[in-house]
């Protein structure tokens, strides 16, 4: 991830039920990712999917998320 990419990112705090947190932690470990990286990836994928549904199936441009 480049330096300019880090400057465009925002910090987010979230409260999760323990079982959800534990599953995410396990998933991150299995994929050799940090928990933060995995959650960021999952949120970005969810936003892209939502945009795709709202635009009638057109994938969003890379800079839209």
Protein backbone atom coordinates (compact mmCIF):
# COMPACT_ATOMS: atom_id res chain seq x y z
CA UNK A 1 0.00 0.00 0.00
CA UNK A 2 1.53 3.29 -1.10
CA UNK A 3 2.06 6.38 1.02
CA UNK A 4 -0.68 8.33 -0.80
CA UNK A 5 -3.14 5.50 -0.12
CA UNK A 6 -2.58 5.80 3.64
CA UNK A 7 -3.34 9.52 3.55
CA UNK A 8 -6.76 8.84 1.99
CA UNK A 9 -7.82 6.43 4.71
CA UNK A 10 -10.02 7.20 7.72
CA UNK A 11 -10.00 5.58 11.13
CA UNK A 12 -13.15 3.87 12.41
CA UNK A 13 -13.94 2.45 15.83
CA UNK A 14 -16.63 -0.21 16.14
CA UNK A 15 -18.15 -2.29 18.90
CA UNK A 16 -18.78 -5.95 18.06
CA UNK A 17 -20.32 -8.84 19.95
CA UNK A 18 -17.61 -11.15 21.31
CA UNK A 19 -18.52 -14.09 19.02
CA UNK A 20 -18.28 -11.89 15.91
CA UNK A 21 -14.94 -10.45 17.05
CA UNK A 22 -13.59 -13.93 17.76
CA UNK A 23 -14.63 -15.21 14.32
CA UNK A 24 -13.04 -12.22 12.61
CA UNK A 25 -9.85 -12.71 14.62
CA UNK A 26 -9.74 -16.39 13.63
CA UNK A 27 -10.39 -15.53 9.97
CA UNK A 28 -7.64 -12.88 9.98
CA UNK A 29 -5.18 -15.34 11.50
CA UNK A 30 -6.04 -17.98 8.90
CA UNK A 31 -5.40 -15.47 6.10
CA UNK A 32 -2.26 -14.10 7.79
CA UNK A 33 -3.78 -10.60 7.89
CA UNK A 34 -4.21 -8.15 10.69
CA UNK A 35 -7.73 -7.91 12.05
CA UNK A 36 -7.85 -4.27 10.94
CA UNK A 37 -6.82 -5.20 7.40
CA UNK A 38 -9.42 -7.96 7.13
CA UNK A 39 -12.24 -5.77 8.46
CA UNK A 40 -11.25 -2.94 6.12
CA UNK A 41 -11.26 -5.36 3.19
CA UNK A 42 -14.67 -6.77 4.14
CA UNK A 43 -16.21 -3.32 4.56
CA UNK A 44 -14.81 -2.15 1.24
CA UNK A 45 -16.17 -5.27 -0.49
CA UNK A 46 -19.60 -4.69 1.07
CA UNK A 47 -19.65 -1.06 -0.13
CA UNK A 48 -18.63 -2.11 -3.64
CA UNK A 49 -21.36 -4.77 -3.71
CA UNK A 50 -23.97 -2.25 -2.56
CA UNK A 51 -22.87 0.25 -5.20
CA UNK A 52 -23.04 -2.49 -7.82
CA UNK A 53 -26.62 -3.37 -6.84
CA UNK A 54 -27.69 0.28 -6.79
CA UNK A 55 -26.17 1.03 -10.19
CA UNK A 56 -27.94 -1.86 -11.89
CA UNK A 57 -24.98 -4.22 -11.91
CA UNK A 58 -22.27 -1.85 -13.10
CA UNK A 59 -19.12 -2.24 -10.99
CA UNK A 60 -17.95 1.04 -9.43
CA UNK A 61 -14.83 2.78 -10.65
CA UNK A 62 -11.75 2.11 -8.51
CA UNK A 63 -11.70 5.64 -7.13
CA UNK A 64 -15.36 5.62 -6.04
CA UNK A 65 -14.67 3.65 -2.84
